[in-house]
Amino acid sequence: MENNKLLLHCSLLMLIARILFLCFMTMAGATAEGLRNVTIDDRYGDEITLTVPTYLPPDAWSSRGNAQPNASLAYNRTWHDTTSHPEHAANNVTFNFTGVSLFVYCIIANTPPHSSQTFDAFANYTFFLDGELVGGYKHDVEQTEDFFYNVPVYVNQTMENKFHSFSIVPYSKEKPVLLLFDYAIYTKCEGHCVNASPSSQIPMHSSTPANSTDALPSTLPSQANTSEHHSSVWIIVAVTLAGAAVFLLSGSFLFYRFRQANRATRREAKLWRQSRFIVQSKPRPTSETQGRGEIAEKLKGYSADTQTAASAVPLDSSIEDPVMNH
């Protein structure tokens, strides 16, 4: 029975140690950078806040224009497109977020098939971050009928961790501009983090086609060292905490074994004292007790009316009643 209890206790200790170790390692991996990528879809909006981008003017945007890319290659099979003309006010799309980096993806069109309706495919975008001009993107039409998907038209990994507003304005003074906005990804800081992306790779939901000549570089070596440094620090902390947990569990196990051994020793001592008391308390046959036994045998048959056995009178029918002297 004691062995079964001991095995059960050991199993529980090992299970607790394993769970603690896994928890520490998971926590270290989750908080190594404190960063999380969040997607803003063109139709369904921010996957956390569910806030949908604002399209202005509303009647100038649709997903049913003449430019019809392959829906299966677009994120969530959706996009918003608009065409801005030089003689009209520029259209724009705006979304808000709180994060330290931003990646904006569009679908880029080229010369349309001759069998379909023609449309303008020139891409010329201007970007505004918190009301300030921060860059642009331009793609001249190529002599191909292909669409380019998941093209990162804007990348910024040096942003201050605060609330931001970002706008895309498609416009050109020379000719119409087509914009097919697909989605954006921003990096959210959820703990102790630095102003860097959680990975040196530009996040996207599928690879950019090789013939997309305007795709931005996919690696940022300057950010990798910072990520590796913070990851190693948190791994060391996690391993240290896990070791401390195992040490405490081992100490509790040894203390438990000590208590069990101490209890067994006290139990054996108690049993030994009880057995010694029983042996010593047995009546011993002595001459005195034997004499008393013989006297008791002799007193059998005497009257119990007297106060003591010594003054008892034997009941003998041959003895006559005493005669009182007058």
Protein backbone atom coordinates (compact mmCIF):
# COMPACT_ATOMS: atom_id res chain seq x y z
CA MET A 1 0.00 0.00 0.00
CA GLU A 2 2.79 2.39 0.92
CA ASN A 3 4.62 1.55 -2.30
CA ASN A 4 1.52 2.33 -4.36
CA LYS A 5 1.16 5.69 -2.63
CA LEU A 6 4.82 6.43 -3.24
CA LEU A 7 4.56 5.58 -6.94
CA LEU A 8 1.45 7.73 -7.28
CA HIS A 9 3.18 10.64 -5.57
CA CYS A 10 6.23 10.31 -7.83
CA SER A 11 4.03 10.22 -10.92
CA LEU A 12 2.20 13.35 -9.83
CA LEU A 13 5.46 15.17 -9.18
CA MET A 14 6.82 14.25 -12.60
CA LEU A 15 3.58 15.35 -14.27
CA ILE A 16 3.60 18.69 -12.45
CA ALA A 17 7.25 19.26 -13.36
CA ARG A 18 6.56 18.54 -17.03
CA ILE A 19 3.52 20.83 -17.10
CA LEU A 20 5.47 23.66 -15.47
CA PHE A 21 8.35 23.24 -17.89
CA LEU A 22 6.02 23.32 -20.91
CA CYS A 23 4.22 26.38 -19.51
CA PHE A 24 7.49 28.22 -19.00
CA MET A 25 8.72 27.35 -22.49
CA THR A 26 5.40 28.36 -24.05
CA MET A 27 5.39 31.62 -22.14
CA ALA A 28 8.96 32.30 -23.18
CA GLY A 29 8.11 31.67 -26.84
CA ALA A 30 4.99 33.82 -26.68
CA THR A 31 6.68 36.76 -24.98
CA ALA A 32 10.14 36.46 -26.51
CA GLU A 33 9.36 39.41 -28.72
CA GLY A 34 5.94 40.47 -27.45
CA LEU A 35 4.87 41.01 -31.08
CA ARG A 36 1.91 39.73 -33.05
CA ASN A 37 0.93 40.14 -36.69
CA VAL A 38 -2.68 41.24 -37.26
CA THR A 39 -4.40 41.24 -40.65
CA ILE A 40 -6.76 43.96 -41.91
CA ASP A 41 -8.89 42.53 -44.70
CA ASP A 42 -10.37 44.84 -47.34
CA ARG A 43 -13.92 43.58 -46.63
CA TYR A 44 -13.92 42.05 -43.14
CA GLY A 45 -11.54 44.53 -41.56
CA ASP A 46 -9.25 44.12 -38.55
CA GLU A 47 -9.29 40.55 -37.26
CA ILE A 48 -9.14 41.82 -33.66
CA THR A 49 -11.23 45.01 -33.63
CA LEU A 50 -13.35 44.08 -36.71
CA THR A 51 -13.00 47.70 -37.89
CA VAL A 52 -13.40 47.91 -41.67
CA PRO A 53 -11.32 50.35 -43.77
CA THR A 54 -12.99 53.55 -44.92
CA TYR A 55 -13.39 53.97 -48.70
CA LEU A 56 -13.94 57.49 -50.06
CA PRO A 57 -15.97 58.37 -51.91
CA PRO A 58 -18.04 55.22 -51.17
CA ASP A 59 -19.66 55.05 -54.62
CA ALA A 60 -16.26 55.08 -56.34
CA TRP A 61 -15.23 51.71 -54.88
CA SER A 62 -16.37 48.20 -55.74
CA SER A 63 -15.16 44.65 -56.29
CA ARG A 64 -17.07 44.14 -59.51
CA GLY A 65 -15.14 46.41 -61.88
CA ASN A 66 -13.76 45.56 -65.28
CA ALA A 67 -10.51 44.34 -63.71
CA GLN A 68 -11.37 40.87 -62.47
CA PRO A 69 -8.38 39.03 -60.94
CA ASN A 70 -8.54 35.40 -59.82
CA ALA A 71 -10.52 35.45 -56.57
CA SER A 72 -8.88 32.25 -55.32
CA LEU A 73 -5.52 34.05 -55.26
CA ALA A 74 -6.79 37.05 -53.28
CA TYR A 75 -6.83 37.03 -49.49
CA ASN A 76 -10.30 35.88 -48.28
CA ARG A 77 -11.22 35.88 -52.00
CA THR A 78 -12.04 39.62 -51.81
CA TRP A 79 -10.59 42.99 -52.84
CA HIS A 80 -11.70 46.60 -53.31
CA ASP A 81 -10.87 48.43 -56.52
CA THR A 82 -11.21 51.99 -57.73
CA THR A 83 -10.01 54.09 -60.66
CA SER A 84 -8.97 57.71 -60.10
CA HIS A 85 -9.07 60.09 -63.08
CA PRO A 86 -6.92 63.23 -63.43
CA GLU A 87 -9.97 65.46 -63.88
CA HIS A 88 -11.60 64.22 -60.65
CA ALA A 89 -10.70 64.40 -57.00
CA ALA A 90 -8.47 61.57 -55.86
CA ASN A 91 -10.08 58.54 -54.22
CA ASN A 92 -8.57 57.04 -51.09
CA VAL A 93 -8.78 54.21 -48.55
CA THR A 94 -7.94 54.74 -44.85
CA PHE A 95 -7.57 52.37 -41.90
CA ASN A 96 -6.36 52.74 -38.31
CA PHE A 97 -4.23 50.52 -36.08
CA THR A 98 -1.87 50.50 -33.11
CA GLY A 99 1.46 48.86 -33.86
CA VAL A 100 5.14 49.14 -34.60
CA SER A 101 5.22 48.08 -38.26
CA LEU A 102 2.94 47.96 -41.29
CA PHE A 103 2.78 45.96 -44.53
CA VAL A 104 0.25 46.88 -47.25
CA TYR A 105 -0.61 44.46 -50.07
CA CYS A 106 -2.35 45.12 -53.39
CA ILE A 107 -3.15 43.24 -56.56
CA ILE A 108 -1.32 44.72 -59.54
CA ALA A 109 -2.88 44.53 -63.01
CA ASN A 110 -1.26 44.62 -66.42
CA THR A 111 -2.53 44.80 -70.03
CA PRO A 112 -5.97 43.15 -70.02
CA PRO A 113 -6.93 40.33 -72.40
CA HIS A 114 -8.08 41.54 -75.81
CA SER A 115 -11.27 39.47 -75.53
CA SER A 116 -12.47 41.34 -72.43
CA GLN A 117 -13.38 44.92 -71.76
CA THR A 118 -10.42 47.23 -71.56
CA PHE A 119 -9.52 48.98 -68.32
CA ASP A 120 -6.79 51.23 -67.04
CA ALA A 121 -4.02 49.26 -65.30
CA PHE A 122 -1.52 51.96 -64.36
CA ALA A 123 -0.52 51.89 -60.65
CA ASN A 124 0.63 55.10 -58.96
CA TYR A 125 -0.01 55.31 -55.24
CA THR A 126 0.84 57.87 -52.57
CA PHE A 127 0.93 56.90 -48.86
CA PHE A 128 0.14 59.04 -45.82
CA LEU A 129 0.91 57.98 -42.25
CA ASP A 130 -0.68 60.09 -39.51
CA GLY A 131 -1.34 62.83 -42.05
CA GLU A 132 2.25 62.97 -43.36
CA LEU A 133 3.53 61.84 -46.75
CA VAL A 134 5.68 58.73 -46.22
CA GLY A 135 6.22 57.29 -49.68
CA GLY A 136 4.74 56.02 -52.90
CA TYR A 137 4.52 53.09 -55.29
CA LYS A 138 4.52 53.01 -59.09
CA HIS A 139 4.12 50.18 -61.59
CA ASP A 140 4.05 50.71 -65.34
CA VAL A 141 1.86 48.36 -67.35
CA GLU A 142 3.66 45.33 -68.71
CA GLN A 143 2.78 43.53 -71.92
CA THR A 144 1.23 40.58 -70.15
CA GLU A 145 -2.24 39.58 -69.13
CA ASP A 146 -1.15 38.39 -65.70
CA PHE A 147 -2.15 39.87 -62.36
CA PHE A 148 0.43 40.10 -59.59
CA TYR A 149 -0.91 39.03 -56.19
CA ASN A 150 0.28 39.78 -52.65
CA VAL A 151 2.49 42.63 -53.81
CA PRO A 152 3.86 44.59 -50.78
CA VAL A 153 3.40 48.16 -52.02
CA TYR A 154 4.34 49.70 -48.65
CA VAL A 155 6.54 48.40 -45.80
CA ASN A 156 7.45 50.28 -42.63
CA GLN A 157 9.19 48.54 -39.69
CA THR A 158 10.43 51.60 -37.79
CA MET A 159 7.17 52.95 -36.40
CA GLU A 160 6.49 54.26 -32.92
CA ASN A 161 4.25 52.01 -30.85
CA LYS A 162 1.10 54.13 -30.82
CA PHE A 163 -2.20 54.68 -32.63
CA HIS A 164 -1.70 55.30 -36.36
CA SER A 165 -3.84 56.25 -39.34
CA PHE A 166 -2.77 55.14 -42.82
CA SER A 167 -4.16 56.24 -46.20
CA ILE A 168 -3.60 55.14 -49.80
CA VAL A 169 -4.28 57.73 -52.50
CA PRO A 170 -4.22 56.49 -56.12
CA TYR A 171 -3.69 59.50 -58.39
CA SER A 172 -1.76 60.77 -61.40
CA LYS A 173 -1.98 63.99 -63.37
CA GLU A 174 -1.24 62.19 -66.66
CA LYS A 175 -3.64 59.23 -66.81
CA PRO A 176 -6.13 57.16 -64.80
CA VAL A 177 -4.81 55.02 -61.94
CA LEU A 178 -6.18 51.62 -60.90
CA LEU A 179 -5.97 50.45 -57.28
CA LEU A 180 -6.94 46.95 -56.16
CA PHE A 181 -6.52 46.93 -52.37
CA ASP A 182 -6.37 43.41 -50.92
CA TYR A 183 -5.20 43.52 -47.27
CA ALA A 184 -2.69 44.95 -44.78
CA ILE A 185 -0.74 43.43 -41.89
CA TYR A 186 0.42 45.42 -38.89
CA THR A 187 2.62 44.25 -36.02
CA LYS A 188 1.03 44.68 -32.61
CA CYS A 189 3.13 45.00 -29.46
CA GLU A 190 1.62 42.89 -26.65
CA GLY A 191 4.38 43.07 -24.06
CA HIS A 192 8.05 43.94 -23.80
CA CYS A 193 9.11 44.47 -27.39
CA VAL A 194 11.22 46.63 -29.63
CA ASN A 195 10.23 48.55 -32.75
CA ALA A 196 10.95 45.71 -35.11
CA SER A 197 8.97 43.04 -36.88
CA PRO A 198 8.83 39.60 -35.21
CA SER A 199 10.52 38.08 -38.24
CA SER A 200 13.06 39.16 -40.81
CA GLN A 201 10.64 37.95 -43.50
CA ILE A 202 7.94 40.24 -44.85
CA PRO A 203 4.69 38.59 -43.69
CA MET A 204 2.21 37.66 -46.40
CA HIS A 205 -0.47 35.05 -46.92
CA SER A 206 1.13 33.53 -50.02
CA SER A 207 4.32 34.03 -51.99
CA THR A 208 4.65 36.90 -54.43
CA PRO A 209 4.97 35.82 -58.08
CA ALA A 210 8.49 36.00 -59.42
CA ASN A 211 7.50 38.28 -62.31
CA SER A 212 6.36 41.01 -59.91
CA THR A 213 9.19 43.42 -60.61
CA ASP A 214 8.01 45.95 -58.03
CA ALA A 215 8.01 43.58 -55.04
CA LEU A 216 10.07 44.89 -52.12
CA PRO A 217 13.01 42.93 -50.65
CA SER A 218 11.85 39.93 -48.60
CA THR A 219 14.69 39.98 -46.06
CA LEU A 220 15.82 42.59 -43.59
CA PRO A 221 19.12 41.36 -42.09
CA SER A 222 19.43 44.35 -39.74
CA GLN A 223 16.36 43.21 -37.80
CA ALA A 224 17.39 39.57 -37.36
CA ASN A 225 20.11 40.15 -34.74
CA THR A 226 17.75 42.05 -32.46
CA SER A 227 15.15 39.27 -32.62
CA GLU A 228 17.73 36.55 -31.93
CA HIS A 229 19.11 38.47 -28.95
CA HIS A 230 15.73 38.91 -27.26
CA SER A 231 14.76 35.30 -27.99
CA SER A 232 17.92 33.93 -26.38
CA VAL A 233 17.43 36.06 -23.25
CA TRP A 234 13.90 34.81 -22.74
CA ILE A 235 14.90 31.20 -23.39
CA ILE A 236 17.56 31.47 -20.66
CA VAL A 237 14.98 32.93 -18.26
CA ALA A 238 12.50 30.16 -19.08
CA VAL A 239 15.08 27.39 -18.56
CA THR A 240 16.14 28.95 -15.25
CA LEU A 241 12.58 29.10 -13.98
CA ALA A 242 11.92 25.56 -15.08
CA GLY A 243 15.05 24.38 -13.27
CA ALA A 244 13.94 26.17 -10.11
CA ALA A 245 10.53 24.47 -10.36
CA VAL A 246 12.16 21.05 -10.72
CA PHE A 247 14.41 21.81 -7.73
CA LEU A 248 11.44 22.75 -5.57
CA LEU A 249 9.55 19.64 -6.60
CA SER A 250 12.57 17.47 -5.84
CA GLY A 251 12.87 19.11 -2.42
CA SER A 252 9.21 18.48 -1.67
CA PHE A 253 9.63 14.85 -2.73
CA LEU A 254 12.62 14.36 -0.42
CA PHE A 255 10.73 16.03 2.42
CA TYR A 256 7.80 13.68 1.78
CA ARG A 257 10.12 10.66 1.91
CA PHE A 258 11.65 11.94 5.15
CA ARG A 259 8.21 12.31 6.73
CA GLN A 260 7.21 8.83 5.59
CA ALA A 261 10.38 7.33 7.06
CA ASN A 262 9.90 9.28 10.30
CA ARG A 263 6.32 8.07 10.61
CA ALA A 264 7.40 4.46 10.01
CA THR A 265 10.06 4.78 12.73
CA ARG A 266 7.56 6.20 15.23
CA ARG A 267 5.06 3.48 14.36
CA GLU A 268 7.64 0.72 14.94
CA ALA A 269 8.65 2.28 18.27
CA LYS A 270 5.03 2.44 19.37
CA LEU A 271 4.42 -1.18 18.44
CA TRP A 272 7.56 -2.22 20.33
CA ARG A 273 6.42 -0.39 23.48
CA GLN A 274 2.95 -1.93 23.27
CA SER A 275 4.35 -5.44 22.85
CA ARG A 276 6.68 -4.90 25.82
CA PHE A 277 3.80 -3.72 28.00
CA ILE A 278 1.70 -6.75 27.11
CA VAL A 279 4.51 -9.12 27.98
CA GLN A 280 5.21 -7.43 31.32
CA SER A 281 1.55 -7.20 32.32
CA LYS A 282 0.92 -11.00 32.16
CA PRO A 283 0.30 -12.51 35.67
CA ARG A 284 3.21 -14.56 36.89
CA PRO A 285 2.61 -17.73 38.97
CA THR A 286 4.26 -17.14 42.39
CA SER A 287 4.13 -19.02 45.63
CA GLU A 288 1.93 -16.32 47.03
CA THR A 289 -0.63 -16.64 44.26
CA GLN A 290 -0.46 -20.41 44.47
CA GLY A 291 -1.17 -20.26 48.21
CA ARG A 292 -4.07 -17.99 47.60
CA GLY A 293 -5.41 -20.47 45.08
CA GLU A 294 -5.24 -23.32 47.59
CA ILE A 295 -7.02 -21.22 50.21
CA ALA A 296 -9.72 -20.36 47.71
CA GLU A 297 -10.20 -24.04 46.98
CA LYS A 298 -10.49 -24.81 50.64
CA LEU A 299 -13.02 -22.07 51.17
CA LYS A 300 -15.39 -23.56 48.67
CA GLY A 301 -18.53 -24.75 50.41
CA TYR A 302 -18.32 -22.27 53.23
CA SER A 303 -21.13 -19.88 54.04
CA ALA A 304 -21.01 -16.49 52.43
CA ASP A 305 -22.97 -14.91 55.29
CA THR A 306 -19.88 -13.99 57.17
CA GLN A 307 -17.90 -10.89 56.33
CA THR A 308 -14.60 -12.59 55.60
CA ALA A 309 -13.51 -15.93 54.40
CA ALA A 310 -11.40 -16.40 57.56
CA SER A 311 -14.45 -16.32 59.87
CA ALA A 312 -16.66 -18.42 57.65
CA VAL A 313 -18.26 -21.48 59.26
CA PRO A 314 -18.33 -24.72 57.25
CA LEU A 315 -21.77 -26.01 56.50
CA ASP A 316 -21.73 -29.46 58.13
CA SER A 317 -24.97 -31.26 58.95
CA SER A 318 -23.32 -33.09 61.84
CA ILE A 319 -22.82 -29.93 63.83
CA GLU A 320 -25.69 -29.18 66.07
CA ASP A 321 -27.09 -25.79 66.76
CA PRO A 322 -25.34 -24.16 69.72
CA VAL A 323 -27.31 -24.13 72.95
CA MET A 324 -27.59 -20.86 74.65
CA ASN A 325 -26.54 -20.85 78.35
CA HIS A 326 -29.12 -19.64 80.68
